[in-house]
Amino acid sequence: MRKKPTPEPEKKKRPGRKLSAEERRKLAEKARKQWADPEGKLRKRNQEVHIIKPPRDAAERIAHCVATYGSTKELLANHFDIDISVFDRWLRDHDDIRRAYEESKGIEHSKLISVLFDQAMSGNASAAMFLLKIRHQYRDSGPLPGETADPTAVAARVQATVKAMLKIEGIG
């Protein structure tokens, strides 16, 4: 005797009603909590979130790398074998690391200005013009807003700046 094939169960249909804005917001928030990492970025399914803690000597290493070599955030992240977003989180969450990074950036800036100043004083016209522009608002494309275009006034301002720089250097 042959058995009759059993009919497949019917798939349940979802009710056709639309979700309200509040219900959609709640579902989105639930999904965000389930699938977002601590930084709020969505992660892939089955991806574990690993909180990478900085090593104990991270602040010292960061200060050394930035002050000595001028390392950028990308290079520092590579040095610690982490993603740039993890390094940014370290800066945000750890006061000692943020302080070491900011202070060493200041040291690096001072060293660069010093080298540029030495170049300008030794006759490098490009370095001198650059310093005049960034430190003394000199513009070679016209007067500053609110100033006259009098070339003698511009020349006098440049001469005064150069004399001041020479006086600081002990030459003038």
N, C-alpha and C. Protein backbone atom coordinates (compact mmCIF):
# COMPACT_ATOMS: atom_id res chain seq x y z
N MET A 1 0.79 -1.17 0.00
CA MET A 1 0.00 0.00 0.00
C MET A 1 0.85 1.26 0.00
N ARG A 2 0.44 2.18 -0.77
CA ARG A 2 1.19 3.43 -0.87
C ARG A 2 0.67 4.45 0.12
N LYS A 3 1.65 5.12 0.72
CA LYS A 3 1.28 6.18 1.64
C LYS A 3 1.06 7.47 0.88
N LYS A 4 0.13 8.20 1.32
CA LYS A 4 -0.10 9.50 0.72
C LYS A 4 0.98 10.46 1.23
N PRO A 5 1.51 11.26 0.33
CA PRO A 5 2.51 12.24 0.80
C PRO A 5 1.86 13.24 1.75
N THR A 6 2.60 13.51 2.81
CA THR A 6 2.06 14.48 3.77
C THR A 6 2.26 15.89 3.24
N PRO A 7 1.25 16.68 3.33
CA PRO A 7 1.41 18.05 2.83
C PRO A 7 2.37 18.83 3.72
N GLU A 8 3.16 19.73 3.06
CA GLU A 8 4.10 20.58 3.82
C GLU A 8 3.32 21.58 4.63
N PRO A 9 3.81 21.83 5.83
CA PRO A 9 3.09 22.81 6.65
C PRO A 9 3.18 24.19 6.00
N GLU A 10 2.13 24.90 6.13
CA GLU A 10 2.12 26.24 5.55
C GLU A 10 3.01 27.15 6.38
N LYS A 11 3.72 28.05 5.67
CA LYS A 11 4.55 29.02 6.36
C LYS A 11 3.65 30.05 7.00
N LYS A 12 4.04 30.40 8.21
CA LYS A 12 3.25 31.41 8.89
C LYS A 12 3.53 32.76 8.26
N LYS A 13 2.52 33.47 8.01
CA LYS A 13 2.67 34.80 7.45
C LYS A 13 2.72 35.79 8.59
N ARG A 14 3.56 36.77 8.39
CA ARG A 14 3.64 37.82 9.38
C ARG A 14 2.44 38.73 9.24
N PRO A 15 2.00 39.24 10.31
CA PRO A 15 0.86 40.16 10.20
C PRO A 15 1.25 41.35 9.33
N GLY A 16 0.31 41.85 8.60
CA GLY A 16 0.59 42.91 7.65
C GLY A 16 0.61 44.31 8.23
N ARG A 17 0.53 44.42 9.53
CA ARG A 17 0.48 45.77 10.07
C ARG A 17 1.87 46.40 10.05
N LYS A 18 1.91 47.70 9.88
CA LYS A 18 3.17 48.43 9.87
C LYS A 18 3.56 48.78 11.29
N LEU A 19 4.89 48.86 11.50
CA LEU A 19 5.38 49.23 12.81
C LEU A 19 5.29 50.74 12.99
N SER A 20 5.02 51.13 14.19
CA SER A 20 4.98 52.57 14.48
C SER A 20 6.43 53.08 14.57
N ALA A 21 6.57 54.36 14.56
CA ALA A 21 7.90 54.96 14.65
C ALA A 21 8.59 54.57 15.95
N GLU A 22 7.83 54.53 17.03
CA GLU A 22 8.38 54.15 18.33
C GLU A 22 8.85 52.70 18.33
N GLU A 23 8.07 51.81 17.71
CA GLU A 23 8.46 50.40 17.63
C GLU A 23 9.72 50.22 16.78
N ARG A 24 9.79 50.97 15.66
CA ARG A 24 10.99 50.89 14.82
C ARG A 24 12.22 51.40 15.57
N ARG A 25 12.04 52.47 16.36
CA ARG A 25 13.15 53.01 17.13
C ARG A 25 13.64 52.00 18.17
N LYS A 26 12.70 51.33 18.83
CA LYS A 26 13.08 50.33 19.83
C LYS A 26 13.81 49.14 19.20
N LEU A 27 13.33 48.70 18.04
CA LEU A 27 14.01 47.60 17.35
C LEU A 27 15.42 48.00 16.91
N ALA A 28 15.56 49.22 16.41
CA ALA A 28 16.88 49.69 15.98
C ALA A 28 17.83 49.78 17.17
N GLU A 29 17.35 50.26 18.30
CA GLU A 29 18.18 50.34 19.50
C GLU A 29 18.59 48.95 19.98
N LYS A 30 17.68 48.00 19.93
CA LYS A 30 17.98 46.63 20.32
C LYS A 30 19.06 46.04 19.39
N ALA A 31 18.93 46.29 18.10
CA ALA A 31 19.92 45.80 17.14
C ALA A 31 21.27 46.44 17.38
N ARG A 32 21.28 47.75 17.67
CA ARG A 32 22.53 48.44 17.94
C ARG A 32 23.23 47.86 19.16
N LYS A 33 22.48 47.59 20.21
CA LYS A 33 23.07 47.02 21.42
C LYS A 33 23.64 45.63 21.14
N GLN A 34 22.96 44.89 20.29
CA GLN A 34 23.39 43.53 20.01
C GLN A 34 24.59 43.49 19.08
N TRP A 35 24.66 44.40 18.10
CA TRP A 35 25.66 44.28 17.04
C TRP A 35 26.71 45.37 17.02
N ALA A 36 26.68 46.29 17.94
CA ALA A 36 27.67 47.37 17.92
C ALA A 36 28.77 47.10 18.93
N ASP A 37 29.99 47.51 18.58
CA ASP A 37 31.10 47.39 19.51
C ASP A 37 31.08 48.60 20.45
N PRO A 38 32.01 48.68 21.41
CA PRO A 38 31.98 49.79 22.38
C PRO A 38 32.08 51.18 21.74
N GLU A 39 32.64 51.28 20.54
CA GLU A 39 32.76 52.57 19.88
C GLU A 39 31.51 52.90 19.07
N GLY A 40 30.54 52.03 19.06
CA GLY A 40 29.30 52.30 18.35
C GLY A 40 29.31 51.87 16.89
N LYS A 41 30.41 51.26 16.43
CA LYS A 41 30.48 50.80 15.05
C LYS A 41 29.90 49.39 14.97
N LEU A 42 29.18 49.13 13.89
CA LEU A 42 28.61 47.80 13.73
C LEU A 42 29.71 46.79 13.45
N ARG A 43 29.59 45.62 14.07
CA ARG A 43 30.57 44.57 13.83
C ARG A 43 29.89 43.44 13.07
N LYS A 44 30.71 42.60 12.48
CA LYS A 44 30.18 41.48 11.72
C LYS A 44 29.66 40.41 12.67
N ARG A 45 28.76 39.62 12.18
CA ARG A 45 28.21 38.53 12.98
C ARG A 45 29.35 37.58 13.38
N ASN A 46 29.28 37.07 14.58
CA ASN A 46 30.26 36.14 15.15
C ASN A 46 31.64 36.77 15.38
N GLN A 47 31.72 38.07 15.28
CA GLN A 47 33.01 38.73 15.52
C GLN A 47 33.07 39.12 17.00
N GLU A 48 34.11 38.69 17.64
CA GLU A 48 34.28 38.99 19.05
C GLU A 48 34.82 40.42 19.19
N VAL A 49 34.41 41.09 20.23
CA VAL A 49 34.95 42.41 20.52
C VAL A 49 36.04 42.23 21.55
N HIS A 50 37.25 42.60 21.18
CA HIS A 50 38.37 42.48 22.09
C HIS A 50 38.78 43.88 22.53
N ILE A 51 38.76 44.10 23.80
CA ILE A 51 39.23 45.37 24.33
C ILE A 51 40.73 45.22 24.53
N ILE A 52 41.48 45.97 23.77
CA ILE A 52 42.93 45.89 23.83
C ILE A 52 43.42 46.96 24.79
N LYS A 53 44.06 46.53 25.84
CA LYS A 53 44.58 47.46 26.83
C LYS A 53 46.00 47.85 26.45
N PRO A 54 46.37 49.10 26.72
CA PRO A 54 47.74 49.52 26.40
C PRO A 54 48.75 48.86 27.34
N PRO A 55 49.96 48.64 26.85
CA PRO A 55 50.99 48.10 27.75
C PRO A 55 51.34 49.13 28.83
N ARG A 56 51.94 48.66 29.89
CA ARG A 56 52.25 49.56 31.01
C ARG A 56 53.19 50.70 30.62
N ASP A 57 54.09 50.45 29.69
CA ASP A 57 55.05 51.47 29.29
C ASP A 57 54.61 52.23 28.04
N ALA A 58 53.32 52.19 27.72
CA ALA A 58 52.82 52.82 26.49
C ALA A 58 53.09 54.32 26.47
N ALA A 59 52.86 55.00 27.59
CA ALA A 59 53.05 56.46 27.62
C ALA A 59 54.51 56.82 27.33
N GLU A 60 55.44 56.09 27.93
CA GLU A 60 56.87 56.37 27.71
C GLU A 60 57.26 56.09 26.25
N ARG A 61 56.76 54.98 25.72
CA ARG A 61 57.09 54.63 24.33
C ARG A 61 56.51 55.65 23.35
N ILE A 62 55.28 56.10 23.63
CA ILE A 62 54.65 57.10 22.76
C ILE A 62 55.43 58.41 22.81
N ALA A 63 55.78 58.85 24.03
CA ALA A 63 56.53 60.10 24.17
C ALA A 63 57.86 60.03 23.42
N HIS A 64 58.55 58.91 23.55
CA HIS A 64 59.84 58.75 22.88
C HIS A 64 59.68 58.77 21.36
N CYS A 65 58.73 58.00 20.85
CA CYS A 65 58.55 57.91 19.39
C CYS A 65 58.14 59.25 18.77
N VAL A 66 57.25 59.96 19.45
CA VAL A 66 56.77 61.23 18.88
C VAL A 66 57.84 62.30 18.98
N ALA A 67 58.46 62.45 20.16
CA ALA A 67 59.44 63.51 20.35
C ALA A 67 60.72 63.26 19.55
N THR A 68 61.12 62.01 19.43
CA THR A 68 62.38 61.70 18.75
C THR A 68 62.22 61.55 17.24
N TYR A 69 61.17 60.87 16.82
CA TYR A 69 61.03 60.54 15.41
C TYR A 69 59.86 61.26 14.72
N GLY A 70 59.05 61.98 15.49
CA GLY A 70 57.90 62.66 14.89
C GLY A 70 56.82 61.69 14.44
N SER A 71 56.66 60.59 15.16
CA SER A 71 55.70 59.56 14.76
C SER A 71 54.28 60.08 14.77
N THR A 72 53.51 59.68 13.76
CA THR A 72 52.10 60.04 13.66
C THR A 72 51.26 59.00 14.40
N LYS A 73 49.96 59.27 14.51
CA LYS A 73 49.06 58.30 15.15
C LYS A 73 49.09 56.97 14.40
N GLU A 74 49.13 57.03 13.07
CA GLU A 74 49.14 55.81 12.28
C GLU A 74 50.41 54.99 12.55
N LEU A 75 51.55 55.67 12.63
CA LEU A 75 52.79 54.95 12.91
C LEU A 75 52.80 54.37 14.32
N LEU A 76 52.24 55.12 15.28
CA LEU A 76 52.18 54.60 16.64
C LEU A 76 51.26 53.38 16.73
N ALA A 77 50.12 53.44 16.05
CA ALA A 77 49.22 52.29 16.04
C ALA A 77 49.93 51.08 15.44
N ASN A 78 50.68 51.30 14.37
CA ASN A 78 51.44 50.22 13.74
C ASN A 78 52.51 49.70 14.71
N HIS A 79 53.16 50.60 15.43
CA HIS A 79 54.19 50.22 16.40
C HIS A 79 53.62 49.29 17.47
N PHE A 80 52.39 49.57 17.93
CA PHE A 80 51.75 48.75 18.95
C PHE A 80 50.95 47.59 18.34
N ASP A 81 50.96 47.49 17.02
CA ASP A 81 50.24 46.43 16.30
C ASP A 81 48.75 46.46 16.61
N ILE A 82 48.17 47.67 16.52
CA ILE A 82 46.75 47.86 16.76
C ILE A 82 46.16 48.72 15.65
N ASP A 83 44.86 48.78 15.60
CA ASP A 83 44.17 49.63 14.64
C ASP A 83 44.18 51.07 15.15
N ILE A 84 44.10 52.03 14.23
CA ILE A 84 44.11 53.44 14.60
C ILE A 84 42.95 53.78 15.53
N SER A 85 41.81 53.12 15.35
CA SER A 85 40.66 53.39 16.22
C SER A 85 40.95 52.97 17.66
N VAL A 86 41.72 51.91 17.84
CA VAL A 86 42.10 51.47 19.19
C VAL A 86 43.04 52.50 19.81
N PHE A 87 43.98 53.01 18.99
CA PHE A 87 44.90 54.03 19.51
C PHE A 87 44.13 55.29 19.90
N ASP A 88 43.17 55.70 19.08
CA ASP A 88 42.34 56.86 19.43
C ASP A 88 41.58 56.62 20.73
N ARG A 89 41.11 55.40 20.94
CA ARG A 89 40.42 55.07 22.19
C ARG A 89 41.38 55.16 23.38
N TRP A 90 42.62 54.70 23.19
CA TRP A 90 43.62 54.84 24.25
C TRP A 90 43.80 56.31 24.61
N LEU A 91 43.93 57.17 23.59
CA LEU A 91 44.12 58.59 23.85
C LEU A 91 42.92 59.17 24.60
N ARG A 92 41.74 58.73 24.25
CA ARG A 92 40.53 59.24 24.87
C ARG A 92 40.36 58.73 26.30
N ASP A 93 40.72 57.47 26.55
CA ASP A 93 40.41 56.84 27.83
C ASP A 93 41.54 56.87 28.86
N HIS A 94 42.77 57.14 28.45
CA HIS A 94 43.92 57.08 29.36
C HIS A 94 44.61 58.44 29.42
N ASP A 95 44.47 59.12 30.56
CA ASP A 95 45.04 60.46 30.72
C ASP A 95 46.56 60.48 30.55
N ASP A 96 47.25 59.48 31.09
CA ASP A 96 48.71 59.46 30.99
C ASP A 96 49.17 59.33 29.55
N ILE A 97 48.48 58.54 28.77
CA ILE A 97 48.84 58.36 27.35
C ILE A 97 48.54 59.64 26.57
N ARG A 98 47.37 60.24 26.82
CA ARG A 98 47.02 61.49 26.12
C ARG A 98 48.01 62.60 26.47
N ARG A 99 48.37 62.71 27.75
CA ARG A 99 49.31 63.74 28.19
C ARG A 99 50.68 63.53 27.56
N ALA A 100 51.16 62.28 27.54
CA ALA A 100 52.46 61.98 26.93
C ALA A 100 52.44 62.31 25.44
N TYR A 101 51.35 61.99 24.76
CA TYR A 101 51.25 62.26 23.32
C TYR A 101 51.26 63.76 23.06
N GLU A 102 50.45 64.52 23.81
CA GLU A 102 50.37 65.97 23.59
C GLU A 102 51.67 66.67 23.92
N GLU A 103 52.30 66.30 25.05
CA GLU A 103 53.56 66.93 25.43
C GLU A 103 54.67 66.62 24.42
N SER A 104 54.72 65.40 23.96
CA SER A 104 55.77 65.04 23.00
C SER A 104 55.52 65.69 21.65
N LYS A 105 54.24 65.92 21.27
CA LYS A 105 53.96 66.67 20.04
C LYS A 105 54.49 68.10 20.18
N GLY A 106 54.38 68.68 21.37
CA GLY A 106 54.92 70.02 21.62
C GLY A 106 56.43 70.05 21.50
N ILE A 107 57.09 69.02 22.03
CA ILE A 107 58.55 68.93 21.92
C ILE A 107 58.96 68.82 20.46
N GLU A 108 58.25 67.98 19.72
CA GLU A 108 58.55 67.82 18.29
C GLU A 108 58.37 69.15 17.56
N HIS A 109 57.31 69.87 17.88
CA HIS A 109 57.03 71.16 17.24
C HIS A 109 58.17 72.15 17.53
N SER A 110 58.62 72.19 18.77
CA SER A 110 59.72 73.09 19.14
C SER A 110 61.00 72.75 18.39
N LYS A 111 61.28 71.45 18.26
CA LYS A 111 62.48 71.03 17.52
C LYS A 111 62.40 71.46 16.06
N LEU A 112 61.22 71.28 15.45
CA LEU A 112 61.06 71.67 14.05
C LEU A 112 61.22 73.16 13.87
N ILE A 113 60.62 73.95 14.75
CA ILE A 113 60.75 75.41 14.66
C ILE A 113 62.21 75.81 14.83
N SER A 114 62.91 75.15 15.75
CA SER A 114 64.32 75.46 15.98
C SER A 114 65.15 75.18 14.73
N VAL A 115 64.92 74.04 14.10
CA VAL A 115 65.65 73.71 12.87
C VAL A 115 65.32 74.71 11.76
N LEU A 116 64.05 75.05 11.64
CA LEU A 116 63.63 76.01 10.63
C LEU A 116 64.25 77.38 10.90
N PHE A 117 64.29 77.79 12.16
CA PHE A 117 64.89 79.07 12.53
C PHE A 117 66.38 79.07 12.19
N ASP A 118 67.08 77.97 12.51
CA ASP A 118 68.51 77.88 12.17
C ASP A 118 68.72 77.98 10.67
N GLN A 119 67.85 77.33 9.89
CA GLN A 119 67.95 77.42 8.44
C GLN A 119 67.74 78.85 7.97
N ALA A 120 66.75 79.52 8.53
CA ALA A 120 66.46 80.91 8.14
C ALA A 120 67.63 81.82 8.48
N MET A 121 68.23 81.62 9.64
CA MET A 121 69.35 82.47 10.06
C MET A 121 70.62 82.20 9.25
N SER A 122 70.73 81.02 8.68
CA SER A 122 71.91 80.71 7.88
C SER A 122 71.73 81.12 6.42
N GLY A 123 70.62 81.79 6.11
CA GLY A 123 70.46 82.35 4.77
C GLY A 123 69.48 81.62 3.88
N ASN A 124 68.78 80.63 4.38
CA ASN A 124 67.79 79.92 3.57
C ASN A 124 66.56 80.82 3.45
N ALA A 125 66.39 81.40 2.26
CA ALA A 125 65.32 82.38 2.05
C ALA A 125 63.94 81.73 2.20
N SER A 126 63.79 80.50 1.76
CA SER A 126 62.49 79.83 1.87
C SER A 126 62.09 79.64 3.33
N ALA A 127 63.06 79.22 4.15
CA ALA A 127 62.78 79.04 5.57
C ALA A 127 62.45 80.37 6.23
N ALA A 128 63.19 81.43 5.83
CA ALA A 128 62.93 82.75 6.40
C ALA A 128 61.53 83.25 6.02
N MET A 129 61.15 83.08 4.77
CA MET A 129 59.82 83.52 4.34
C MET A 129 58.74 82.72 5.05
N PHE A 130 58.96 81.43 5.20
CA PHE A 130 57.97 80.60 5.89
C PHE A 130 57.79 81.06 7.34
N LEU A 131 58.88 81.30 8.03
CA LEU A 131 58.78 81.77 9.41
C LEU A 131 58.10 83.13 9.49
N LEU A 132 58.43 84.02 8.55
CA LEU A 132 57.77 85.33 8.54
C LEU A 132 56.26 85.18 8.37
N LYS A 133 55.87 84.25 7.52
CA LYS A 133 54.45 84.07 7.26
C LYS A 133 53.72 83.46 8.45
N ILE A 134 54.30 82.42 9.07
CA ILE A 134 53.56 81.75 10.13
C ILE A 134 53.67 82.45 11.48
N ARG A 135 54.77 83.11 11.72
CA ARG A 135 54.95 83.73 13.03
C ARG A 135 54.62 85.22 13.05
N HIS A 136 54.75 85.86 11.91
CA HIS A 136 54.60 87.32 11.89
C HIS A 136 53.56 87.78 10.87
N GLN A 137 52.73 86.88 10.40
CA GLN A 137 51.62 87.15 9.50
C GLN A 137 52.03 87.93 8.24
N TYR A 138 53.28 87.74 7.81
CA TYR A 138 53.71 88.38 6.58
C TYR A 138 53.03 87.71 5.40
N ARG A 139 52.58 88.51 4.46
CA ARG A 139 51.95 87.96 3.25
C ARG A 139 52.63 88.57 2.04
N ASP A 140 52.99 87.73 1.11
CA ASP A 140 53.59 88.25 -0.12
C ASP A 140 52.54 88.45 -1.21
N SER A 141 51.27 88.24 -0.90
CA SER A 141 50.21 88.39 -1.89
C SER A 141 49.36 89.63 -1.62
N GLY A 142 49.81 90.51 -0.77
CA GLY A 142 49.05 91.71 -0.49
C GLY A 142 48.98 91.97 0.99
N PRO A 143 48.35 93.06 1.35
CA PRO A 143 48.31 93.43 2.77
C PRO A 143 47.34 92.55 3.55
N LEU A 144 47.54 92.53 4.84
CA LEU A 144 46.60 91.86 5.72
C LEU A 144 45.30 92.64 5.73
N PRO A 145 44.19 92.00 6.02
CA PRO A 145 42.92 92.72 6.08
C PRO A 145 43.01 93.88 7.07
N GLY A 146 42.62 95.06 6.60
CA GLY A 146 42.65 96.25 7.45
C GLY A 146 43.95 97.02 7.37
N GLU A 147 44.93 96.55 6.60
CA GLU A 147 46.19 97.26 6.45
C GLU A 147 46.28 97.88 5.06
N THR A 148 47.15 98.84 4.94
CA THR A 148 47.35 99.47 3.64
C THR A 148 48.33 98.66 2.82
N ALA A 149 48.30 98.87 1.53
CA ALA A 149 49.19 98.15 0.63
C ALA A 149 50.49 98.91 0.41
N ASP A 150 50.84 99.79 1.31
CA ASP A 150 52.04 100.60 1.19
C ASP A 150 53.27 99.69 1.27
N PRO A 151 54.05 99.62 0.17
CA PRO A 151 55.22 98.73 0.17
C PRO A 151 56.27 99.12 1.20
N THR A 152 56.38 100.42 1.51
CA THR A 152 57.38 100.82 2.51
C THR A 152 56.99 100.31 3.90
N ALA A 153 55.68 100.27 4.18
CA ALA A 153 55.23 99.75 5.47
C ALA A 153 55.52 98.25 5.57
N VAL A 154 55.30 97.52 4.48
CA VAL A 154 55.59 96.08 4.46
C VAL A 154 57.08 95.86 4.64
N ALA A 155 57.90 96.62 3.93
CA ALA A 155 59.35 96.49 4.03
C ALA A 155 59.82 96.81 5.44
N ALA A 156 59.25 97.84 6.05
CA ALA A 156 59.63 98.21 7.42
C ALA A 156 59.27 97.09 8.39
N ARG A 157 58.11 96.48 8.21
CA ARG A 157 57.69 95.38 9.09
C ARG A 157 58.62 94.19 8.93
N VAL A 158 59.01 93.87 7.70
CA VAL A 158 59.93 92.75 7.45
C VAL A 158 61.30 93.05 8.06
N GLN A 159 61.79 94.28 7.87
CA GLN A 159 63.09 94.64 8.44
C GLN A 159 63.07 94.55 9.96
N ALA A 160 62.01 95.03 10.57
CA ALA A 160 61.90 94.97 12.03
C ALA A 160 61.89 93.52 12.51
N THR A 161 61.20 92.66 11.78
CA THR A 161 61.13 91.25 12.15
C THR A 161 62.49 90.59 12.02
N VAL A 162 63.19 90.86 10.93
CA VAL A 162 64.52 90.28 10.72
C VAL A 162 65.49 90.78 11.78
N LYS A 163 65.43 92.08 12.12
CA LYS A 163 66.31 92.62 13.17
C LYS A 163 66.03 91.94 14.50
N ALA A 164 64.75 91.74 14.80
CA ALA A 164 64.39 91.07 16.05
C ALA A 164 64.91 89.63 16.07
N MET A 165 64.81 88.96 14.93
CA MET A 165 65.31 87.59 14.85
C MET A 165 66.83 87.55 15.02
N LEU A 166 67.53 88.52 14.41
CA LEU A 166 68.98 88.57 14.54
C LEU A 166 69.38 88.90 15.98
N LYS A 167 68.62 89.78 16.62
CA LYS A 167 68.92 90.14 18.01
C LYS A 167 68.76 88.92 18.91
N ILE A 168 67.71 88.12 18.68
CA ILE A 168 67.50 86.91 19.46
C ILE A 168 68.66 85.95 19.26
N GLU A 169 69.14 85.87 18.02
CA GLU A 169 70.24 84.96 17.70
C GLU A 169 71.57 85.49 18.22
N GLY A 170 71.61 86.78 18.61
CA GLY A 170 72.83 87.38 19.12
C GLY A 170 73.73 87.93 18.03
N ILE A 171 73.20 88.09 16.83
CA ILE A 171 74.00 88.59 15.71
C ILE A 171 73.89 90.12 15.61
N GLY A 172 72.71 90.65 15.86
CA GLY A 172 72.48 92.08 15.63
C GLY A 172 72.50 92.93 16.84
